[in-house]
N, C-alpha and C. Protein backbone atom coordinates (compact mmCIF):
# COMPACT_ATOMS: atom_id res chain seq x y z
N MET A 1 0.96 -1.05 -0.09
CA MET A 1 -0.04 -0.38 0.03
C MET A 1 1.17 0.92 0.10
N THR A 2 0.85 1.87 -0.77
CA THR A 2 1.82 3.39 -0.98
C THR A 2 0.95 4.25 -1.48
N ALA A 3 1.64 5.46 -1.27
CA ALA A 3 0.63 7.06 -1.69
C ALA A 3 1.43 8.10 -2.12
N ASP A 4 0.91 8.42 -3.58
CA ASP A 4 1.74 9.70 -3.57
C ASP A 4 1.01 10.63 -4.27
N ALA A 5 1.56 11.76 -4.55
CA ALA A 5 0.59 12.35 -5.07
C ALA A 5 1.39 13.39 -6.40
N ASP A 6 0.77 12.65 -7.37
CA ASP A 6 1.79 13.03 -8.56
C ASP A 6 0.45 12.88 -9.69
N HIS A 7 -1.06 13.20 -9.88
CA HIS A 7 -1.75 13.27 -10.70
C HIS A 7 -2.97 14.75 -9.99
N THR A 8 -2.76 15.37 -10.68
CA THR A 8 -3.51 16.61 -10.84
C THR A 8 -5.28 16.70 -10.94
N ALA A 9 -5.73 16.47 -10.63
CA ALA A 9 -7.68 16.98 -10.25
C ALA A 9 -7.70 17.49 -10.93
N SER A 10 -9.55 17.61 -11.76
CA SER A 10 -9.67 18.86 -12.99
C SER A 10 -9.71 20.31 -12.06
N ASP A 11 -9.84 20.34 -10.93
CA ASP A 11 -9.60 21.68 -10.56
C ASP A 11 -8.30 21.98 -10.20
N GLY A 12 -7.22 21.31 -10.84
CA GLY A 12 -6.18 22.05 -10.42
C GLY A 12 -5.51 21.22 -8.91
N ALA A 13 -6.44 20.72 -7.94
CA ALA A 13 -5.77 20.24 -6.86
C ALA A 13 -5.13 19.22 -6.66
N GLU A 14 -4.08 19.17 -5.88
CA GLU A 14 -3.48 17.89 -5.97
C GLU A 14 -4.16 16.69 -5.42
N ALA A 15 -4.07 15.56 -6.73
CA ALA A 15 -4.97 13.92 -6.09
C ALA A 15 -3.81 13.26 -5.52
N HIS A 16 -4.27 12.73 -4.51
CA HIS A 16 -3.10 11.65 -3.60
C HIS A 16 -4.15 10.41 -4.21
N ARG A 17 -2.66 9.34 -4.66
CA ARG A 17 -2.79 8.48 -5.49
C ARG A 17 -2.51 7.86 -4.72
N LEU A 18 -3.08 6.33 -4.04
CA LEU A 18 -3.67 5.84 -3.14
C LEU A 18 -3.61 4.55 -4.08
N VAL A 19 -2.08 3.78 -3.83
CA VAL A 19 -2.27 2.42 -4.17
C VAL A 19 -2.72 1.31 -3.52
N LEU A 20 -3.79 0.88 -3.88
CA LEU A 20 -4.19 -0.13 -2.84
C LEU A 20 -3.58 -1.29 -3.07
N PRO A 21 -3.89 -2.57 -2.03
CA PRO A 21 -3.33 -4.08 -2.06
C PRO A 21 -4.29 -4.69 -2.48
N SER A 22 -3.48 -5.75 -3.04
CA SER A 22 -3.66 -6.85 -4.16
C SER A 22 -5.06 -7.01 -3.52
N SER A 23 -5.38 -7.51 -1.95
CA SER A 23 -6.69 -8.16 -1.27
C SER A 23 -7.34 -7.10 -0.87
N LEU A 24 -8.63 -6.92 -1.53
CA LEU A 24 -9.15 -5.62 -0.87
C LEU A 24 -11.22 -6.73 -0.59
N SER A 25 -10.75 -7.32 0.46
CA SER A 25 -11.68 -8.37 0.67
C SER A 25 -12.16 -8.06 2.41
N ILE A 26 -12.97 -8.85 2.59
CA ILE A 26 -13.77 -8.62 3.99
C ILE A 26 -12.58 -8.32 5.11
N ARG A 27 -11.72 -9.51 4.91
CA ARG A 27 -10.68 -9.57 6.18
C ARG A 27 -9.65 -8.64 5.84
N GLN A 28 -9.69 -7.81 5.12
CA GLN A 28 -8.80 -6.35 4.64
C GLN A 28 -9.74 -4.85 4.84
N ALA A 29 -11.39 -5.00 5.36
CA ALA A 29 -11.79 -3.94 5.06
C ALA A 29 -11.58 -3.10 5.67
N GLY A 30 -11.72 -3.01 7.18
CA GLY A 30 -11.15 -1.88 7.70
C GLY A 30 -9.78 -1.09 8.07
N ALA A 31 -9.13 -1.99 7.50
CA ALA A 31 -7.49 -1.37 7.00
C ALA A 31 -7.69 -0.43 5.87
N THR A 32 -8.51 -0.87 4.44
CA THR A 32 -9.01 -0.63 3.63
C THR A 32 -9.60 0.92 3.48
N ARG A 33 -10.39 0.88 4.58
CA ARG A 33 -11.19 2.10 4.94
C ARG A 33 -10.37 2.94 5.40
N GLU A 34 -9.58 2.75 6.27
CA GLU A 34 -8.90 3.51 6.78
C GLU A 34 -8.17 4.11 5.89
N LEU A 35 -7.54 3.49 4.84
CA LEU A 35 -6.34 3.82 4.09
C LEU A 35 -6.93 4.90 3.04
N ILE A 36 -7.89 5.14 2.66
CA ILE A 36 -9.05 5.45 2.22
C ILE A 36 -9.32 6.82 3.03
N LEU A 37 -10.12 6.94 3.99
CA LEU A 37 -10.48 8.02 4.82
C LEU A 37 -9.02 8.51 5.28
N ALA A 38 -7.56 8.15 4.89
CA ALA A 38 -6.85 9.07 5.78
C ALA A 38 -6.12 9.66 4.35
N ALA A 39 -6.12 9.17 3.40
CA ALA A 39 -6.03 10.08 1.84
C ALA A 39 -6.51 10.77 1.53
N LEU A 40 -8.19 10.86 1.77
CA LEU A 40 -8.81 11.83 2.15
C LEU A 40 -8.69 12.99 2.70
N GLN A 41 -8.54 12.92 4.14
CA GLN A 41 -8.15 13.56 5.04
C GLN A 41 -7.15 14.62 4.22
N GLU A 42 -6.03 13.77 3.97
CA GLU A 42 -4.74 14.69 3.50
C GLU A 42 -4.66 15.57 2.49
N SER A 43 -5.65 14.89 1.24
CA SER A 43 -5.76 16.32 0.24
C SER A 43 -7.28 16.36 -0.29
N GLY A 44 -8.02 15.31 0.27
CA GLY A 44 -9.67 15.32 -0.40
C GLY A 44 -9.73 15.23 -1.41
N VAL A 45 -8.47 15.30 -2.46
CA VAL A 45 -9.37 14.53 -3.91
C VAL A 45 -7.94 12.99 -3.84
N VAL A 46 -8.47 11.82 -4.03
CA VAL A 46 -8.20 10.91 -4.18
C VAL A 46 -8.15 9.68 -5.39
N LEU A 47 -6.98 9.50 -5.72
CA LEU A 47 -7.10 8.83 -6.72
C LEU A 47 -6.44 7.48 -6.41
N LEU A 48 -7.86 6.34 -6.63
CA LEU A 48 -8.08 5.05 -6.32
C LEU A 48 -6.70 3.97 -7.24
N ASP A 49 -5.73 3.72 -7.27
CA ASP A 49 -4.69 2.73 -7.84
C ASP A 49 -5.83 1.25 -7.55
N VAL A 50 -6.01 0.70 -8.13
CA VAL A 50 -6.65 -0.85 -7.96
C VAL A 50 -5.66 -1.39 -9.08
N PRO A 51 -4.77 -2.90 -7.95
CA PRO A 51 -3.96 -3.73 -9.47
C PRO A 51 -4.60 -4.58 -9.76
N ASP A 52 -3.92 -4.83 -10.91
CA ASP A 52 -4.32 -5.55 -11.79
C ASP A 52 -5.07 -6.87 -11.40
N ASP A 53 -4.55 -7.72 -10.45
CA ASP A 53 -4.28 -8.74 -9.59
C ASP A 53 -5.52 -8.78 -8.74
N ALA A 54 -5.53 -7.93 -7.94
CA ALA A 54 -6.71 -7.40 -7.00
C ALA A 54 -7.55 -8.37 -6.70
N GLU A 55 -8.02 -8.71 -5.46
CA GLU A 55 -8.71 -10.11 -5.56
C GLU A 55 -9.73 -9.06 -4.54
N ALA A 56 -11.17 -8.75 -4.87
CA ALA A 56 -12.17 -7.38 -4.52
C ALA A 56 -13.29 -8.43 -4.25
N ASP A 57 -14.07 -7.53 -3.03
CA ASP A 57 -15.11 -8.64 -2.49
C ASP A 57 -16.08 -7.41 -2.41
N LEU A 58 -17.87 -7.83 -2.32
CA LEU A 58 -18.20 -6.77 -2.07
C LEU A 58 -18.23 -5.64 -1.12
N SER A 59 -17.34 -6.03 0.18
CA SER A 59 -17.39 -5.14 0.76
C SER A 59 -16.50 -3.65 0.77
N PHE A 60 -15.16 -4.21 -0.63
CA PHE A 60 -14.44 -2.98 -0.97
C PHE A 60 -15.59 -2.11 -2.03
N ILE A 61 -16.10 -2.45 -2.75
CA ILE A 61 -17.88 -1.98 -3.30
C ILE A 61 -17.74 -0.82 -2.47
N GLN A 62 -19.00 -1.56 -1.17
CA GLN A 62 -19.17 -0.72 -0.42
C GLN A 62 -18.97 0.16 0.26
N ILE A 63 -17.29 -0.29 0.51
CA ILE A 63 -16.21 1.30 0.95
C ILE A 63 -15.94 2.21 0.30
N VAL A 64 -15.98 1.83 -1.23
CA VAL A 64 -15.56 2.56 -2.37
C VAL A 64 -16.73 3.42 -2.48
N GLU A 65 -18.09 3.35 -2.34
CA GLU A 65 -19.48 3.37 -2.35
C GLU A 65 -19.72 4.67 -1.49
N ALA A 66 -19.66 4.35 -0.46
CA ALA A 66 -19.07 5.14 0.86
C ALA A 66 -18.52 6.19 1.17
N ALA A 67 -17.43 6.28 0.25
CA ALA A 67 -16.34 7.26 0.23
C ALA A 67 -16.46 8.34 -0.74
N ARG A 68 -17.51 7.82 -1.49
CA ARG A 68 -17.91 8.62 -2.94
C ARG A 68 -19.19 9.26 -2.35
N ARG A 69 -19.52 8.70 -1.87
CA ARG A 69 -20.99 9.50 -0.82
C ARG A 69 -20.12 10.96 0.30
N GLN A 70 -19.34 10.32 0.89
CA GLN A 70 -18.54 10.86 1.80
C GLN A 70 -18.13 12.81 1.32
N VAL A 71 -17.33 11.96 -0.35
CA VAL A 71 -16.72 13.23 -0.43
C VAL A 71 -17.33 14.30 -0.91
N VAL A 72 -18.48 13.73 -1.74
CA VAL A 72 -19.61 14.97 -2.47
C VAL A 72 -20.61 16.02 -0.58
N SER A 73 -20.28 15.89 0.35
CA SER A 73 -21.04 16.11 1.12
C SER A 73 -19.49 17.42 1.72
N HIS A 74 -17.88 16.86 1.51
CA HIS A 74 -16.87 18.01 2.15
C HIS A 74 -16.72 18.37 0.67
N GLY A 75 -16.98 18.45 -0.27
CA GLY A 75 -16.40 18.95 -1.44
C GLY A 75 -15.01 18.46 -1.68
N GLY A 76 -14.82 17.38 -1.66
CA GLY A 76 -14.05 17.10 -2.54
C GLY A 76 -13.65 15.82 -3.51
N SER A 77 -12.74 15.00 -3.67
CA SER A 77 -13.73 14.17 -4.95
C SER A 77 -12.87 12.85 -4.72
N VAL A 78 -13.24 11.39 -5.35
CA VAL A 78 -12.35 10.50 -5.12
C VAL A 78 -12.44 9.81 -7.08
N ALA A 79 -11.80 9.26 -7.34
CA ALA A 79 -12.09 8.53 -8.37
C ALA A 79 -11.02 7.34 -9.09
N LEU A 80 -11.11 6.20 -9.48
CA LEU A 80 -10.41 4.93 -10.12
C LEU A 80 -9.40 5.71 -10.92
N ALA A 81 -8.39 5.03 -10.78
CA ALA A 81 -7.06 5.28 -11.63
C ALA A 81 -7.24 4.62 -13.41
N HIS A 82 -8.26 3.73 -12.82
CA HIS A 82 -8.21 2.79 -14.48
C HIS A 82 -9.88 2.28 -14.53
N PRO A 83 -10.49 1.83 -15.57
CA PRO A 83 -11.39 1.40 -15.16
C PRO A 83 -12.02 0.28 -14.28
N ALA A 84 -12.92 -0.17 -13.79
CA ALA A 84 -13.47 -1.41 -13.11
C ALA A 84 -13.11 -2.35 -14.11
N SER A 85 -11.83 -4.12 -13.60
CA SER A 85 -11.90 -5.05 -14.04
C SER A 85 -11.91 -5.69 -13.49
N GLY A 86 -11.31 -6.57 -13.74
CA GLY A 86 -11.02 -8.17 -12.64
C GLY A 86 -12.14 -8.24 -11.88
N SER A 87 -11.88 -8.86 -10.80
CA SER A 87 -12.90 -9.02 -9.85
C SER A 87 -13.64 -8.24 -9.09
N VAL A 88 -13.61 -7.10 -9.51
CA VAL A 88 -13.90 -5.56 -9.18
C VAL A 88 -15.11 -5.61 -10.01
N LEU A 89 -14.72 -5.95 -11.01
CA LEU A 89 -16.30 -5.67 -12.41
C LEU A 89 -17.17 -7.22 -12.00
N THR A 90 -16.15 -8.14 -11.93
CA THR A 90 -17.30 -9.17 -11.00
C THR A 90 -18.46 -9.00 -10.26
N THR A 91 -17.41 -8.46 -9.43
CA THR A 91 -18.02 -8.03 -8.02
C THR A 91 -19.33 -7.21 -7.98
N LEU A 92 -19.44 -6.07 -8.91
CA LEU A 92 -19.81 -5.31 -9.60
C LEU A 92 -21.17 -5.65 -10.06
N GLU A 93 -20.49 -6.71 -11.03
CA GLU A 93 -21.65 -7.29 -11.51
C GLU A 93 -22.80 -8.61 -10.66
N ARG A 94 -21.96 -9.14 -9.85
CA ARG A 94 -22.89 -9.74 -9.19
C ARG A 94 -23.55 -9.33 -7.64
N GLY A 95 -23.32 -8.39 -7.98
CA GLY A 95 -23.92 -7.27 -6.93
C GLY A 95 -25.22 -7.07 -7.65
N GLY A 96 -25.50 -6.74 -8.48
CA GLY A 96 -26.44 -6.01 -9.06
C GLY A 96 -25.89 -4.79 -9.40
N PHE A 97 -25.12 -4.11 -9.25
CA PHE A 97 -24.74 -2.60 -9.55
C PHE A 97 -24.69 -2.07 -10.59
N LEU A 98 -24.06 -2.98 -12.09
CA LEU A 98 -24.48 -2.59 -12.96
C LEU A 98 -25.90 -2.05 -14.21
N HIS A 99 -26.82 -2.64 -13.03
CA HIS A 99 -28.46 -2.65 -13.58
C HIS A 99 -28.33 -1.21 -13.47
N GLU A 100 -29.29 -0.37 -14.32
CA GLU A 100 -29.96 0.79 -13.94
C GLU A 100 -28.59 1.78 -13.34
N MET A 101 -27.14 1.60 -14.18
CA MET A 101 -26.28 2.82 -13.84
C MET A 101 -26.46 4.18 -14.01
N THR A 102 -26.21 5.22 -12.73
CA THR A 102 -26.65 6.74 -13.39
C THR A 102 -24.97 6.89 -14.34
N ALA A 103 -25.38 7.78 -14.94
CA ALA A 103 -24.15 8.21 -15.76
C ALA A 103 -22.66 8.55 -14.76
N GLU A 104 -23.46 8.96 -13.79
CA GLU A 104 -22.28 9.40 -12.98
C GLU A 104 -21.80 8.12 -12.40
N ASP A 105 -22.19 7.21 -12.47
CA ASP A 105 -21.88 5.51 -11.85
C ASP A 105 -20.60 4.96 -12.79
N GLN A 106 -21.30 5.84 -14.05
CA GLN A 106 -20.24 4.87 -14.99
C GLN A 106 -19.58 5.47 -15.31
N LEU A 107 -19.33 7.20 -15.19
CA LEU A 107 -18.10 7.60 -15.46
C LEU A 107 -16.80 7.36 -14.20
N PHE A 108 -17.15 6.75 -13.05
CA PHE A 108 -16.48 6.67 -11.80
C PHE A 108 -16.14 5.53 -12.16
N TRP A 109 -17.09 4.35 -12.26
CA TRP A 109 -16.49 2.67 -11.98
C TRP A 109 -15.85 2.27 -13.44
N PHE A 110 -16.01 2.68 -14.69
CA PHE A 110 -15.52 2.75 -16.19
C PHE A 110 -15.13 4.02 -17.04
N HIS A 111 -15.14 4.72 -16.72
CA HIS A 111 -14.65 5.96 -16.95
C HIS A 111 -15.62 6.19 -18.27
N ARG A 112 -16.61 6.01 -18.66
CA ARG A 112 -17.35 6.38 -19.60
C ARG A 112 -18.70 7.44 -19.39
N LYS A 113 -19.38 7.71 -20.19
CA LYS A 113 -20.08 8.83 -19.73
C LYS A 113 -21.71 7.82 -20.10
N GLU A 114 -21.91 6.87 -20.62
CA GLU A 114 -23.17 6.28 -20.73
C GLU A 114 -22.55 4.46 -20.67
N ALA A 115 -23.87 3.95 -20.60
CA ALA A 115 -24.02 2.96 -20.56
C ALA A 115 -23.49 1.85 -21.92
N ALA A 116 -22.80 0.56 -21.80
CA ALA A 116 -22.37 0.29 -23.03
C ALA A 116 -23.22 -1.06 -23.86
């Protein structure tokens, strides 16, 4: 788990790039949540870098969705460094998140404005 500030948000604020661990399951949910919250407190603009080989479950999706909602109320932003793929995409599918996604959800999870 590493972090660096090498990405600039659209409003010019320096983003905190948070490289997440490969294991993003319920066993690491508390630690993952704390990492994201600490990054948000540090800069308010966080870029989540999910490894290609990440093993994610529903707890990770819930943590990310909660972070997205929290930053809205605090004027920050959170984004994925890369579109959802691998186990993150599979978990979104199994969890029913892909049905009736909003344009905002499409942009966040897949970096596109419309459903494919």
